[in-house]
Full PDB file with SEQRES, HELIX, SHEET, SSBOND, CRYST1, ORIGX, SCALE, CONECT and MASTER records, all heavy atoms in Angstrom:
SEQRES   1 A   41  VAL LEU ARG THR GLU GLU ASP VAL THR LYS LEU ARG ARG          
SEQRES   2 A   41  HIS ASN GLY ASN ALA THR GLU ASN SER CYS HIS LEU TYR          
SEQRES   3 A   41  GLY THR THR PHE ASP ILE CYS TYR ASN ARG TYR GLU THR          
SEQRES   4 A   41  VAL GLU                                                      
HELIX    1 AA1 GLU A    5  HIS A   14  1                                  10    
HELIX    2 AA2 CYS A   23  TYR A   26  5                                   4    
CRYST1    1.000    1.000    1.000  90.00  90.00  90.00 P 1           1          
ORIGX1      1.000000  0.000000  0.000000        0.00000                         
ORIGX2      0.000000  1.000000  0.000000        0.00000                         
ORIGX3      0.000000  0.000000  1.000000        0.00000                         
SCALE1      1.000000  0.000000  0.000000        0.00000                         
SCALE2      0.000000  1.000000  0.000000        0.00000                         
SCALE3      0.000000  0.000000  1.000000        0.00000                         
ATOM      1  N   VAL A   1     -12.621   0.222   2.001  1.00  0.00           N  
ATOM      2  CA  VAL A   1     -11.825  -0.508   1.007  1.00  0.00           C  
ATOM      3  C   VAL A   1     -11.037   0.523   0.183  1.00  0.00           C  
ATOM      4  O   VAL A   1     -10.303   1.329   0.751  1.00  0.00           O  
ATOM      5  CB  VAL A   1     -12.727  -1.401   0.117  1.00  0.00           C  
ATOM      6  CG1 VAL A   1     -11.916  -2.521  -0.519  1.00  0.00           C  
ATOM      7  CG2 VAL A   1     -13.857  -2.050   0.937  1.00  0.00           C  
ATOM      8  N   LEU A   2     -11.202   0.540  -1.115  1.00  0.00           N  
ATOM      9  CA  LEU A   2     -10.462   1.466  -1.976  1.00  0.00           C  
ATOM     10  C   LEU A   2     -11.059   2.871  -1.910  1.00  0.00           C  
ATOM     11  O   LEU A   2     -12.264   3.058  -2.081  1.00  0.00           O  
ATOM     12  CB  LEU A   2     -10.499   0.959  -3.427  1.00  0.00           C  
ATOM     13  CG  LEU A   2      -9.974   1.918  -4.495  1.00  0.00           C  
ATOM     14  CD1 LEU A   2      -8.464   2.087  -4.376  1.00  0.00           C  
ATOM     15  CD2 LEU A   2     -10.352   1.434  -5.888  1.00  0.00           C  
ATOM     16  N   ARG A   3     -10.199   3.855  -1.678  1.00  0.00           N  
ATOM     17  CA  ARG A   3     -10.632   5.250  -1.705  1.00  0.00           C  
ATOM     18  C   ARG A   3     -10.013   5.960  -2.900  1.00  0.00           C  
ATOM     19  O   ARG A   3      -8.824   5.813  -3.168  1.00  0.00           O  
ATOM     20  CB  ARG A   3     -10.214   5.974  -0.420  1.00  0.00           C  
ATOM     21  CG  ARG A   3     -10.980   5.509   0.810  1.00  0.00           C  
ATOM     22  CD  ARG A   3     -10.512   6.217   2.060  1.00  0.00           C  
ATOM     23  NE  ARG A   3     -11.131   5.655   3.255  1.00  0.00           N  
ATOM     24  CZ  ARG A   3     -10.681   5.830   4.484  1.00  0.00           C  
ATOM     25  NH1 ARG A   3      -9.582   6.562   4.691  1.00  0.00           N  
ATOM     26  NH2 ARG A   3     -11.302   5.290   5.515  1.00  0.00           N  
ATOM     27  N   THR A   4     -10.828   6.740  -3.582  1.00  0.00           N  
ATOM     28  CA  THR A   4     -10.313   7.553  -4.680  1.00  0.00           C  
ATOM     29  C   THR A   4      -9.764   8.858  -4.098  1.00  0.00           C  
ATOM     30  O   THR A   4     -10.018   9.199  -2.934  1.00  0.00           O  
ATOM     31  CB  THR A   4     -11.422   7.865  -5.691  1.00  0.00           C  
ATOM     32  OG1 THR A   4     -12.394   8.734  -5.068  1.00  0.00           O  
ATOM     33  CG2 THR A   4     -12.111   6.584  -6.162  1.00  0.00           C  
ATOM     34  N   GLU A   5      -9.024   9.591  -4.909  1.00  0.00           N  
ATOM     35  CA  GLU A   5      -8.521  10.896  -4.463  1.00  0.00           C  
ATOM     36  C   GLU A   5      -9.685  11.811  -4.110  1.00  0.00           C  
ATOM     37  O   GLU A   5      -9.610  12.606  -3.172  1.00  0.00           O  
ATOM     38  CB  GLU A   5      -7.649  11.515  -5.561  1.00  0.00           C  
ATOM     39  CG  GLU A   5      -6.329  10.791  -5.773  1.00  0.00           C  
ATOM     40  CD  GLU A   5      -5.466  11.457  -6.818  1.00  0.00           C  
ATOM     41  OE1 GLU A   5      -6.012  12.220  -7.650  1.00  0.00           O  
ATOM     42  OE2 GLU A   5      -4.236  11.230  -6.823  1.00  0.00           O  
ATOM     43  N   GLU A   6     -10.757  11.692  -4.857  1.00  0.00           N  
ATOM     44  CA  GLU A   6     -11.968  12.484  -4.593  1.00  0.00           C  
ATOM     45  C   GLU A   6     -12.568  12.110  -3.240  1.00  0.00           C  
ATOM     46  O   GLU A   6     -13.003  12.983  -2.475  1.00  0.00           O  
ATOM     47  CB  GLU A   6     -12.980  12.246  -5.719  1.00  0.00           C  
ATOM     48  CG  GLU A   6     -14.178  13.165  -5.712  1.00  0.00           C  
ATOM     49  CD  GLU A   6     -15.068  12.931  -6.917  1.00  0.00           C  
ATOM     50  OE1 GLU A   6     -15.924  12.000  -6.848  1.00  0.00           O  
ATOM     51  OE2 GLU A   6     -14.902  13.640  -7.912  1.00  0.00           O  
ATOM     52  N   ASP A   7     -12.587  10.820  -2.910  1.00  0.00           N  
ATOM     53  CA  ASP A   7     -13.089  10.354  -1.612  1.00  0.00           C  
ATOM     54  C   ASP A   7     -12.260  10.932  -0.465  1.00  0.00           C  
ATOM     55  O   ASP A   7     -12.808  11.383   0.545  1.00  0.00           O  
ATOM     56  CB  ASP A   7     -13.049   8.824  -1.531  1.00  0.00           C  
ATOM     57  CG  ASP A   7     -14.088   8.161  -2.414  1.00  0.00           C  
ATOM     58  OD1 ASP A   7     -15.169   8.741  -2.581  1.00  0.00           O  
ATOM     59  OD2 ASP A   7     -13.800   7.075  -2.933  1.00  0.00           O  
ATOM     60  N   VAL A   8     -10.942  10.890  -0.617  1.00  0.00           N  
ATOM     61  CA  VAL A   8     -10.052  11.367   0.438  1.00  0.00           C  
ATOM     62  C   VAL A   8     -10.243  12.863   0.665  1.00  0.00           C  
ATOM     63  O   VAL A   8     -10.269  13.338   1.810  1.00  0.00           O  
ATOM     64  CB  VAL A   8      -8.581  11.057   0.087  1.00  0.00           C  
ATOM     65  CG1 VAL A   8      -7.636  11.731   1.075  1.00  0.00           C  
ATOM     66  CG2 VAL A   8      -8.345   9.546   0.084  1.00  0.00           C  
ATOM     67  N   THR A   9     -10.403  13.620  -0.413  1.00  0.00           N  
ATOM     68  CA  THR A   9     -10.616  15.070  -0.294  1.00  0.00           C  
ATOM     69  C   THR A   9     -11.890  15.366   0.493  1.00  0.00           C  
ATOM     70  O   THR A   9     -11.900  16.204   1.399  1.00  0.00           O  
ATOM     71  CB  THR A   9     -10.707  15.717  -1.691  1.00  0.00           C  
ATOM     72  OG1 THR A   9      -9.486  15.487  -2.392  1.00  0.00           O  
ATOM     73  CG2 THR A   9     -10.950  17.220  -1.572  1.00  0.00           C  
ATOM     74  N   LYS A  10     -12.967  14.664   0.185  1.00  0.00           N  
ATOM     75  CA  LYS A  10     -14.232  14.859   0.893  1.00  0.00           C  
ATOM     76  C   LYS A  10     -14.113  14.419   2.352  1.00  0.00           C  
ATOM     77  O   LYS A  10     -14.641  15.078   3.252  1.00  0.00           O  
ATOM     78  CB  LYS A  10     -15.346  14.074   0.202  1.00  0.00           C  
ATOM     79  CG  LYS A  10     -15.721  14.614  -1.172  1.00  0.00           C  
ATOM     80  CD  LYS A  10     -16.829  13.765  -1.803  1.00  0.00           C  
ATOM     81  CE  LYS A  10     -17.214  14.293  -3.163  1.00  0.00           C  
ATOM     82  NZ  LYS A  10     -18.272  13.447  -3.813  1.00  0.00           N  
ATOM     83  N   LEU A  11     -13.416  13.316   2.577  1.00  0.00           N  
ATOM     84  CA  LEU A  11     -13.284  12.778   3.922  1.00  0.00           C  
ATOM     85  C   LEU A  11     -12.495  13.725   4.828  1.00  0.00           C  
ATOM     86  O   LEU A  11     -12.823  13.888   6.011  1.00  0.00           O  
ATOM     87  CB  LEU A  11     -12.605  11.407   3.862  1.00  0.00           C  
ATOM     88  CG  LEU A  11     -12.569  10.570   5.140  1.00  0.00           C  
ATOM     89  CD1 LEU A  11     -13.987  10.258   5.609  1.00  0.00           C  
ATOM     90  CD2 LEU A  11     -11.802   9.274   4.911  1.00  0.00           C  
ATOM     91  N   ARG A  12     -11.492  14.359   4.279  1.00  0.00           N  
ATOM     92  CA  ARG A  12     -10.639  15.251   5.079  1.00  0.00           C  
ATOM     93  C   ARG A  12     -11.378  16.519   5.518  1.00  0.00           C  
ATOM     94  O   ARG A  12     -10.948  17.188   6.451  1.00  0.00           O  
ATOM     95  CB  ARG A  12      -9.391  15.624   4.282  1.00  0.00           C  
ATOM     96  CG  ARG A  12      -8.357  14.496   4.247  1.00  0.00           C  
ATOM     97  CD  ARG A  12      -7.199  14.819   3.327  1.00  0.00           C  
ATOM     98  NE  ARG A  12      -6.514  16.037   3.712  1.00  0.00           N  
ATOM     99  CZ  ARG A  12      -5.594  16.120   4.691  1.00  0.00           C  
ATOM    100  NH1 ARG A  12      -5.260  15.030   5.374  1.00  0.00           N  
ATOM    101  NH2 ARG A  12      -5.005  17.273   4.966  1.00  0.00           N  
ATOM    102  N   ARG A  13     -12.481  16.823   4.887  1.00  0.00           N  
ATOM    103  CA  ARG A  13     -13.249  18.012   5.264  1.00  0.00           C  
ATOM    104  C   ARG A  13     -13.921  17.864   6.622  1.00  0.00           C  
ATOM    105  O   ARG A  13     -14.127  18.841   7.337  1.00  0.00           O  
ATOM    106  CB  ARG A  13     -14.319  18.294   4.196  1.00  0.00           C  
ATOM    107  CG  ARG A  13     -13.760  18.748   2.854  1.00  0.00           C  
ATOM    108  CD  ARG A  13     -14.863  18.845   1.825  1.00  0.00           C  
ATOM    109  NE  ARG A  13     -14.315  19.146   0.498  1.00  0.00           N  
ATOM    110  CZ  ARG A  13     -15.028  19.049  -0.629  1.00  0.00           C  
ATOM    111  NH1 ARG A  13     -16.309  18.663  -0.576  1.00  0.00           N  
ATOM    112  NH2 ARG A  13     -14.476  19.338  -1.785  1.00  0.00           N  
ATOM    113  N   HIS A  14     -14.256  16.609   6.988  1.00  0.00           N  
ATOM    114  CA  HIS A  14     -14.927  16.410   8.278  1.00  0.00           C  
ATOM    115  C   HIS A  14     -14.209  15.399   9.172  1.00  0.00           C  
ATOM    116  O   HIS A  14     -14.688  15.052  10.246  1.00  0.00           O  
ATOM    117  CB  HIS A  14     -16.381  15.962   8.057  1.00  0.00           C  
ATOM    118  CG  HIS A  14     -16.534  14.708   7.245  1.00  0.00           C  
ATOM    119  ND1 HIS A  14     -16.421  13.465   7.780  1.00  0.00           N  
ATOM    120  CD2 HIS A  14     -16.785  14.539   5.919  1.00  0.00           C  
ATOM    121  CE1 HIS A  14     -16.607  12.555   6.834  1.00  0.00           C  
ATOM    122  NE2 HIS A  14     -16.826  13.176   5.687  1.00  0.00           N  
ATOM    123  N   ASN A  15     -13.051  14.911   8.696  1.00  0.00           N  
ATOM    124  CA  ASN A  15     -12.274  13.988   9.513  1.00  0.00           C  
ATOM    125  C   ASN A  15     -10.805  14.418   9.489  1.00  0.00           C  
ATOM    126  O   ASN A  15     -10.070  14.154   8.537  1.00  0.00           O  
ATOM    127  CB  ASN A  15     -12.410  12.553   8.974  1.00  0.00           C  
ATOM    128  CG  ASN A  15     -11.699  11.518   9.838  1.00  0.00           C  
ATOM    129  OD1 ASN A  15     -10.953  11.866  10.751  1.00  0.00           O  
ATOM    130  ND2 ASN A  15     -11.924  10.253   9.554  1.00  0.00           N  
ATOM    131  N   GLY A  16     -10.404  15.076  10.568  1.00  0.00           N  
ATOM    132  CA  GLY A  16      -9.044  15.607  10.638  1.00  0.00           C  
ATOM    133  C   GLY A  16      -7.977  14.542  10.660  1.00  0.00           C  
ATOM    134  O   GLY A  16      -6.804  14.808  10.369  1.00  0.00           O  
ATOM    135  N   ASN A  17      -8.357  13.299  11.012  1.00  0.00           N  
ATOM    136  CA  ASN A  17      -7.380  12.206  11.079  1.00  0.00           C  
ATOM    137  C   ASN A  17      -7.136  11.551   9.724  1.00  0.00           C  
ATOM    138  O   ASN A  17      -6.209  10.746   9.576  1.00  0.00           O  
ATOM    139  CB  ASN A  17      -7.854  11.134  12.082  1.00  0.00           C  
ATOM    140  CG  ASN A  17      -7.871  11.659  13.509  1.00  0.00           C  
ATOM    141  OD1 ASN A  17      -7.009  12.429  13.898  1.00  0.00           O  
ATOM    142  ND2 ASN A  17      -8.866  11.245  14.277  1.00  0.00           N  
ATOM    143  N   ALA A  18      -7.974  11.875   8.744  1.00  0.00           N  
ATOM    144  CA  ALA A  18      -7.819  11.273   7.415  1.00  0.00           C  
ATOM    145  C   ALA A  18      -6.513  11.749   6.780  1.00  0.00           C  
ATOM    146  O   ALA A  18      -6.207  12.942   6.777  1.00  0.00           O  
ATOM    147  CB  ALA A  18      -9.005  11.645   6.532  1.00  0.00           C  
ATOM    148  N   THR A  19      -5.746  10.805   6.242  1.00  0.00           N  
ATOM    149  CA  THR A  19      -4.449  11.115   5.645  1.00  0.00           C  
ATOM    150  C   THR A  19      -4.593  11.410   4.162  1.00  0.00           C  
ATOM    151  O   THR A  19      -5.304  10.695   3.439  1.00  0.00           O  
ATOM    152  CB  THR A  19      -3.483   9.922   5.828  1.00  0.00           C  
ATOM    153  OG1 THR A  19      -3.419   9.581   7.206  1.00  0.00           O  
ATOM    154  CG2 THR A  19      -2.095  10.269   5.343  1.00  0.00           C  
ATOM    155  N   GLU A  20      -3.918  12.455   3.707  1.00  0.00           N  
ATOM    156  CA  GLU A  20      -4.015  12.836   2.298  1.00  0.00           C  
ATOM    157  C   GLU A  20      -3.457  11.744   1.395  1.00  0.00           C  
ATOM    158  O   GLU A  20      -4.033  11.415   0.359  1.00  0.00           O  
ATOM    159  CB  GLU A  20      -3.258  14.147   2.060  1.00  0.00           C  
ATOM    160  CG  GLU A  20      -3.403  14.666   0.637  1.00  0.00           C  
ATOM    161  CD  GLU A  20      -2.732  16.007   0.439  1.00  0.00           C  
ATOM    162  OE1 GLU A  20      -2.118  16.513   1.404  1.00  0.00           O  
ATOM    163  OE2 GLU A  20      -2.820  16.549  -0.672  1.00  0.00           O  
ATOM    164  N   ASN A  21      -2.331  11.160   1.792  1.00  0.00           N  
ATOM    165  CA  ASN A  21      -1.751  10.064   1.023  1.00  0.00           C  
ATOM    166  C   ASN A  21      -2.123   8.750   1.698  1.00  0.00           C  
ATOM    167  O   ASN A  21      -1.285   8.028   2.234  1.00  0.00           O  
ATOM    168  CB  ASN A  21      -0.231  10.213   0.934  1.00  0.00           C  
ATOM    169  CG  ASN A  21       0.375   9.282  -0.113  1.00  0.00           C  
ATOM    170  OD1 ASN A  21      -0.321   8.781  -0.991  1.00  0.00           O  
ATOM    171  ND2 ASN A  21       1.663   9.046  -0.005  1.00  0.00           N  
ATOM    172  N   SER A  22      -3.399   8.421   1.664  1.00  0.00           N  
ATOM    173  CA  SER A  22      -3.920   7.245   2.348  1.00  0.00           C  
ATOM    174  C   SER A  22      -3.512   5.960   1.646  1.00  0.00           C  
ATOM    175  O   SER A  22      -3.452   5.890   0.410  1.00  0.00           O  
ATOM    176  CB  SER A  22      -5.448   7.331   2.414  1.00  0.00           C  
ATOM    177  OG  SER A  22      -6.007   6.120   2.854  1.00  0.00           O  
ATOM    178  N   CYS A  23      -3.258   4.917   2.436  1.00  0.00           N  
ATOM    179  CA  CYS A  23      -2.966   3.590   1.871  1.00  0.00           C  
ATOM    180  C   CYS A  23      -4.153   3.069   1.065  1.00  0.00           C  
ATOM    181  O   CYS A  23      -3.982   2.281   0.129  1.00  0.00           O  
ATOM    182  CB  CYS A  23      -2.644   2.600   2.988  1.00  0.00           C  
ATOM    183  SG  CYS A  23      -1.188   3.010   3.965  1.00  0.00           S  
ATOM    184  N   HIS A  24      -5.353   3.520   1.417  1.00  0.00           N  
ATOM    185  CA  HIS A  24      -6.563   3.070   0.731  1.00  0.00           C  
ATOM    186  C   HIS A  24      -6.598   3.511  -0.738  1.00  0.00           C  
ATOM    187  O   HIS A  24      -7.373   2.969  -1.526  1.00  0.00           O  
ATOM    188  CB  HIS A  24      -7.801   3.603   1.445  1.00  0.00           C  
ATOM    189  CG  HIS A  24      -8.091   2.948   2.758  1.00  0.00           C  
ATOM    190  ND1 HIS A  24      -8.710   1.721   2.858  1.00  0.00           N  
ATOM    191  CD2 HIS A  24      -7.847   3.352   4.032  1.00  0.00           C  
ATOM    192  CE1 HIS A  24      -8.831   1.392   4.140  1.00  0.00           C  
ATOM    193  NE2 HIS A  24      -8.320   2.367   4.870  1.00  0.00           N  
ATOM    194  N   LEU A  25      -5.771   4.471  -1.099  1.00  0.00           N  
ATOM    195  CA  LEU A  25      -5.750   4.970  -2.477  1.00  0.00           C  
ATOM    196  C   LEU A  25      -5.195   3.953  -3.468  1.00  0.00           C  
ATOM    197  O   LEU A  25      -5.408   4.071  -4.670  1.00  0.00           O  
ATOM    198  CB  LEU A  25      -4.898   6.245  -2.550  1.00  0.00           C  
ATOM    199  CG  LEU A  25      -5.513   7.516  -1.952  1.00  0.00           C  
ATOM    200  CD1 LEU A  25      -4.429   8.555  -1.718  1.00  0.00           C  
ATOM    201  CD2 LEU A  25      -6.590   8.062  -2.878  1.00  0.00           C  
ATOM    202  N   TYR A  26      -4.475   2.955  -2.966  1.00  0.00           N  
ATOM    203  CA  TYR A  26      -3.736   2.047  -3.847  1.00  0.00           C  
ATOM    204  C   TYR A  26      -4.398   0.682  -4.023  1.00  0.00           C  
ATOM    205  O   TYR A  26      -3.844  -0.189  -4.693  1.00  0.00           O  
ATOM    206  CB  TYR A  26      -2.315   1.884  -3.317  1.00  0.00           C  
ATOM    207  CG  TYR A  26      -1.576   3.206  -3.241  1.00  0.00           C  
ATOM    208  CD1 TYR A  26      -1.592   3.959  -2.061  1.00  0.00           C  
ATOM    209  CD2 TYR A  26      -0.893   3.704  -4.345  1.00  0.00           C  
ATOM    210  CE1 TYR A  26      -0.931   5.182  -1.993  1.00  0.00           C  
ATOM    211  CE2 TYR A  26      -0.226   4.919  -4.287  1.00  0.00           C  
ATOM    212  CZ  TYR A  26      -0.253   5.666  -3.099  1.00  0.00           C  
ATOM    213  OH  TYR A  26       0.401   6.875  -3.043  1.00  0.00           O  
ATOM    214  N   GLY A  27      -5.557   0.471  -3.399  1.00  0.00           N  
ATOM    215  CA  GLY A  27      -6.265  -0.798  -3.572  1.00  0.00           C  
ATOM    216  C   GLY A  27      -5.649  -1.968  -2.829  1.00  0.00           C  
ATOM    217  O   GLY A  27      -5.963  -3.120  -3.117  1.00  0.00           O  
ATOM    218  N   THR A  28      -4.788  -1.672  -1.882  1.00  0.00           N  
ATOM    219  CA  THR A  28      -4.077  -2.714  -1.131  1.00  0.00           C  
ATOM    220  C   THR A  28      -4.558  -2.828   0.305  1.00  0.00           C  
ATOM    221  O   THR A  28      -4.103  -3.711   1.041  1.00  0.00           O  
ATOM    222  CB  THR A  28      -2.579  -2.373  -1.078  1.00  0.00           C  
ATOM    223  OG1 THR A  28      -2.436  -1.061  -0.509  1.00  0.00           O  
ATOM    224  CG2 THR A  28      -1.964  -2.378  -2.459  1.00  0.00           C  
ATOM    225  N   THR A  29      -5.453  -1.943   0.698  1.00  0.00           N  
ATOM    226  CA  THR A  29      -5.748  -1.755   2.119  1.00  0.00           C  
ATOM    227  C   THR A  29      -7.242  -1.831   2.388  1.00  0.00           C  
ATOM    228  O   THR A  29      -8.058  -1.365   1.576  1.00  0.00           O  
ATOM    229  CB  THR A  29      -5.206  -0.379   2.576  1.00  0.00           C  
ATOM    230  OG1 THR A  29      -3.808  -0.317   2.262  1.00  0.00           O  
ATOM    231  CG2 THR A  29      -5.403  -0.161   4.060  1.00  0.00           C  
ATOM    232  N   PHE A  30      -7.595  -2.416   3.523  1.00  0.00           N  
ATOM    233  CA  PHE A  30      -9.003  -2.473   3.931  1.00  0.00           C  
ATOM    234  C   PHE A  30      -9.080  -2.461   5.452  1.00  0.00           C  
ATOM    235  O   PHE A  30      -8.102  -2.760   6.140  1.00  0.00           O  
ATOM    236  CB  PHE A  30      -9.699  -3.718   3.360  1.00  0.00           C  
ATOM    237  CG  PHE A  30      -8.967  -5.009   3.596  1.00  0.00           C  
ATOM    238  CD1 PHE A  30      -9.179  -5.748   4.753  1.00  0.00           C  
ATOM    239  CD2 PHE A  30      -8.063  -5.497   2.661  1.00  0.00           C  
ATOM    240  CE1 PHE A  30      -8.507  -6.947   4.980  1.00  0.00           C  
ATOM    241  CE2 PHE A  30      -7.385  -6.692   2.870  1.00  0.00           C  
ATOM    242  CZ  PHE A  30      -7.607  -7.412   4.023  1.00  0.00           C  
ATOM    243  N   ASP A  31     -10.250  -2.092   5.965  1.00  0.00           N  
ATOM    244  CA  ASP A  31     -10.497  -2.049   7.404  1.00  0.00           C  
ATOM    245  C   ASP A  31     -11.559  -3.081   7.763  1.00  0.00           C  
ATOM    246  O   ASP A  31     -12.586  -3.193   7.082  1.00  0.00           O  
ATOM    247  CB  ASP A  31     -10.999  -0.667   7.844  1.00  0.00           C  
ATOM    248  CG  ASP A  31      -9.971   0.435   7.600  1.00  0.00           C  
ATOM    249  OD1 ASP A  31      -8.793   0.114   7.433  1.00  0.00           O  
ATOM    250  OD2 ASP A  31     -10.373   1.615   7.575  1.00  0.00           O  
ATOM    251  N   ILE A  32     -11.312  -3.833   8.835  1.00  0.00           N  
ATOM    252  CA  ILE A  32     -12.295  -4.769   9.376  1.00  0.00           C  
ATOM    253  C   ILE A  32     -12.623  -4.327  10.793  1.00  0.00           C  
ATOM    254  O   ILE A  32     -11.726  -4.196  11.626  1.00  0.00           O  
ATOM    255  CB  ILE A  32     -11.754  -6.212   9.397  1.00  0.00           C  
ATOM    256  CG1 ILE A  32     -11.497  -6.716   7.969  1.00  0.00           C  
ATOM    257  CG2 ILE A  32     -12.739  -7.141  10.107  1.00  0.00           C  
ATOM    258  CD1 ILE A  32     -10.956  -8.129   7.901  1.00  0.00           C  
ATOM    259  N   CYS A  33     -13.895  -4.081  11.069  1.00  0.00           N  
ATOM    260  CA  CYS A  33     -14.259  -3.626  12.413  1.00  0.00           C  
ATOM    261  C   CYS A  33     -14.213  -4.804  13.383  1.00  0.00           C  
ATOM    262  O   CYS A  33     -14.449  -5.950  13.002  1.00  0.00           O  
ATOM    263  CB  CYS A  33     -15.620  -2.947  12.426  1.00  0.00           C  
ATOM    264  SG  CYS A  33     -17.020  -4.002  12.093  1.00  0.00           S  
ATOM    265  N   TYR A  34     -13.902  -4.502  14.638  1.00  0.00           N  
ATOM    266  CA  TYR A  34     -13.780  -5.574  15.633  1.00  0.00           C  
ATOM    267  C   TYR A  34     -14.916  -5.570  16.653  1.00  0.00           C  
ATOM    268  O   TYR A  34     -14.938  -6.406  17.552  1.00  0.00           O  
ATOM    269  CB  TYR A  34     -12.425  -5.510  16.346  1.00  0.00           C  
ATOM    270  CG  TYR A  34     -12.051  -4.174  16.961  1.00  0.00           C  
ATOM    271  CD1 TYR A  34     -12.728  -3.658  18.059  1.00  0.00           C  
ATOM    272  CD2 TYR A  34     -10.986  -3.435  16.451  1.00  0.00           C  
ATOM    273  CE1 TYR A  34     -12.371  -2.451  18.623  1.00  0.00           C  
ATOM    274  CE2 TYR A  34     -10.607  -2.227  17.012  1.00  0.00           C  
ATOM    275  CZ  TYR A  34     -11.300  -1.730  18.098  1.00  0.00           C  
ATOM    276  OH  TYR A  34     -10.940  -0.527  18.656  1.00  0.00           O  
ATOM    277  N   ASN A  35     -15.873  -4.661  16.515  1.00  0.00           N  
ATOM    278  CA  ASN A  35     -16.970  -4.610  17.486  1.00  0.00           C  
ATOM    279  C   ASN A  35     -18.338  -4.929  16.875  1.00  0.00           C  
ATOM    280  O   ASN A  35     -19.359  -4.819  17.546  1.00  0.00           O  
ATOM    281  CB  ASN A  35     -17.017  -3.247  18.176  1.00  0.00           C  
ATOM    282  CG  ASN A  35     -16.944  -2.096  17.183  1.00  0.00           C  
ATOM    283  OD1 ASN A  35     -17.221  -2.277  16.000  1.00  0.00           O  
ATOM    284  ND2 ASN A  35     -16.560  -0.925  17.659  1.00  0.00           N  
ATOM    285  N   ARG A  36     -18.361  -5.320  15.606  1.00  0.00           N  
ATOM    286  CA  ARG A  36     -19.610  -5.732  14.958  1.00  0.00           C  
ATOM    287  C   ARG A  36     -19.329  -6.921  14.039  1.00  0.00           C  
ATOM    288  O   ARG A  36     -18.294  -6.973  13.384  1.00  0.00           O  
ATOM    289  CB  ARG A  36     -20.216  -4.592  14.119  1.00  0.00           C  
ATOM    290  CG  ARG A  36     -20.759  -3.446  14.921  1.00  0.00           C  
ATOM    291  CD  ARG A  36     -21.509  -2.460  14.030  1.00  0.00           C  
ATOM    292  NE  ARG A  36     -20.639  -1.785  13.075  1.00  0.00           N  
ATOM    293  CZ  ARG A  36     -20.759  -1.867  11.755  1.00  0.00           C  
ATOM    294  NH1 ARG A  36     -21.715  -2.622  11.203  1.00  0.00           N  
ATOM    295  NH2 ARG A  36     -19.928  -1.210  10.959  1.00  0.00           N  
ATOM    296  N   TYR A  37     -20.299  -7.861  13.971  1.00  0.00           N  
ATOM    297  CA  TYR A  37     -20.169  -9.037  13.111  1.00  0.00           C  
ATOM    298  C   TYR A  37     -21.546  -9.393  12.569  1.00  0.00           C  
ATOM    299  O   TYR A  37     -22.569  -9.087  13.179  1.00  0.00           O  
ATOM    300  CB  TYR A  37     -19.595 -10.229  13.893  1.00  0.00           C  
ATOM    301  CG  TYR A  37     -18.233  -9.937  14.477  1.00  0.00           C  
ATOM    302  CD1 TYR A  37     -18.104  -9.277  15.702  1.00  0.00           C  
ATOM    303  CD2 TYR A  37     -17.077 -10.287  13.796  1.00  0.00           C  
ATOM    304  CE1 TYR A  37     -16.863  -8.978  16.233  1.00  0.00           C  
ATOM    305  CE2 TYR A  37     -15.827  -9.986  14.312  1.00  0.00           C  
ATOM    306  CZ  TYR A  37     -15.733  -9.333  15.535  1.00  0.00           C  
ATOM    307  OH  TYR A  37     -14.499  -9.022  16.045  1.00  0.00           O  
ATOM    308  N   GLU A  38     -21.579 -10.048  11.422  1.00  0.00           N  
ATOM    309  CA  GLU A  38     -22.852 -10.472  10.841  1.00  0.00           C  
ATOM    310  C   GLU A  38     -23.070 -11.955  11.131  1.00  0.00           C  
ATOM    311  O   GLU A  38     -22.248 -12.795  10.764  1.00  0.00           O  
ATOM    312  CB  GLU A  38     -22.857 -10.232   9.329  1.00  0.00           C  
ATOM    313  CG  GLU A  38     -24.204 -10.577   8.703  1.00  0.00           C  
ATOM    314  CD  GLU A  38     -24.175 -10.500   7.183  1.00  0.00           C  
ATOM    315  OE1 GLU A  38     -23.468 -11.316   6.561  1.00  0.00           O  
ATOM    316  OE2 GLU A  38     -24.871  -9.640   6.634  1.00  0.00           O  
ATOM    317  N   THR A  39     -24.178 -12.262  11.779  1.00  0.00           N  
ATOM    318  CA  THR A  39     -24.495 -13.653  12.110  1.00  0.00           C  
ATOM    319  C   THR A  39     -24.903 -14.419  10.863  1.00  0.00           C  
ATOM    320  O   THR A  39     -25.678 -13.927  10.045  1.00  0.00           O  
ATOM    321  CB  THR A  39     -25.646 -13.713  13.138  1.00  0.00           C  
ATOM    322  OG1 THR A  39     -25.310 -12.923  14.263  1.00  0.00           O  
ATOM    323  CG2 THR A  39     -25.901 -15.137  13.575  1.00  0.00           C  
ATOM    324  N   VAL A  40     -24.374 -15.609  10.718  1.00  0.00           N  
ATOM    325  CA  VAL A  40     -24.738 -16.483   9.596  1.00  0.00           C  
ATOM    326  C   VAL A  40     -25.820 -17.428  10.086  1.00  0.00           C  
ATOM    327  O   VAL A  40     -25.598 -18.227  10.992  1.00  0.00           O  
ATOM    328  CB  VAL A  40     -23.515 -17.291   9.110  1.00  0.00           C  
ATOM    329  CG1 VAL A  40     -23.920 -18.242   7.990  1.00  0.00           C  
ATOM    330  CG2 VAL A  40     -22.417 -16.354   8.636  1.00  0.00           C  
ATOM    331  N   GLU A  41     -27.004 -17.327   9.485  1.00  0.00           N  
ATOM    332  CA  GLU A  41     -28.107 -18.191   9.917  1.00  0.00           C  
ATOM    333  C   GLU A  41     -29.065 -18.442   8.770  1.00  0.00           C  
ATOM    334  O   GLU A  41     -29.101 -17.692   7.785  1.00  0.00           O  
ATOM    335  CB  GLU A  41     -28.851 -17.578  11.102  1.00  0.00           C  
ATOM    336  CG  GLU A  41     -29.397 -16.183  10.868  1.00  0.00           C  
ATOM    337  CD  GLU A  41     -30.009 -15.600  12.131  1.00  0.00           C  
ATOM    338  OE1 GLU A  41     -30.152 -16.325  13.117  1.00  0.00           O  
ATOM    339  OE2 GLU A  41     -30.336 -14.408  12.123  1.00  0.00           O  
TER     340      GLU A  41                                                      
MASTER        0    0    0    2    0    0    0    6  339    1    0    4          
END                                                                             
């Protein structure tokens, strides 16, 4: 969901694909995984 500048800095240390100016920094962006779901029961 929302990433802070501090989060992005830490993430870039072990994830080369992480973007410094991430869309997640602005509170407008989120990721939904497509290979896992939570069953409602």
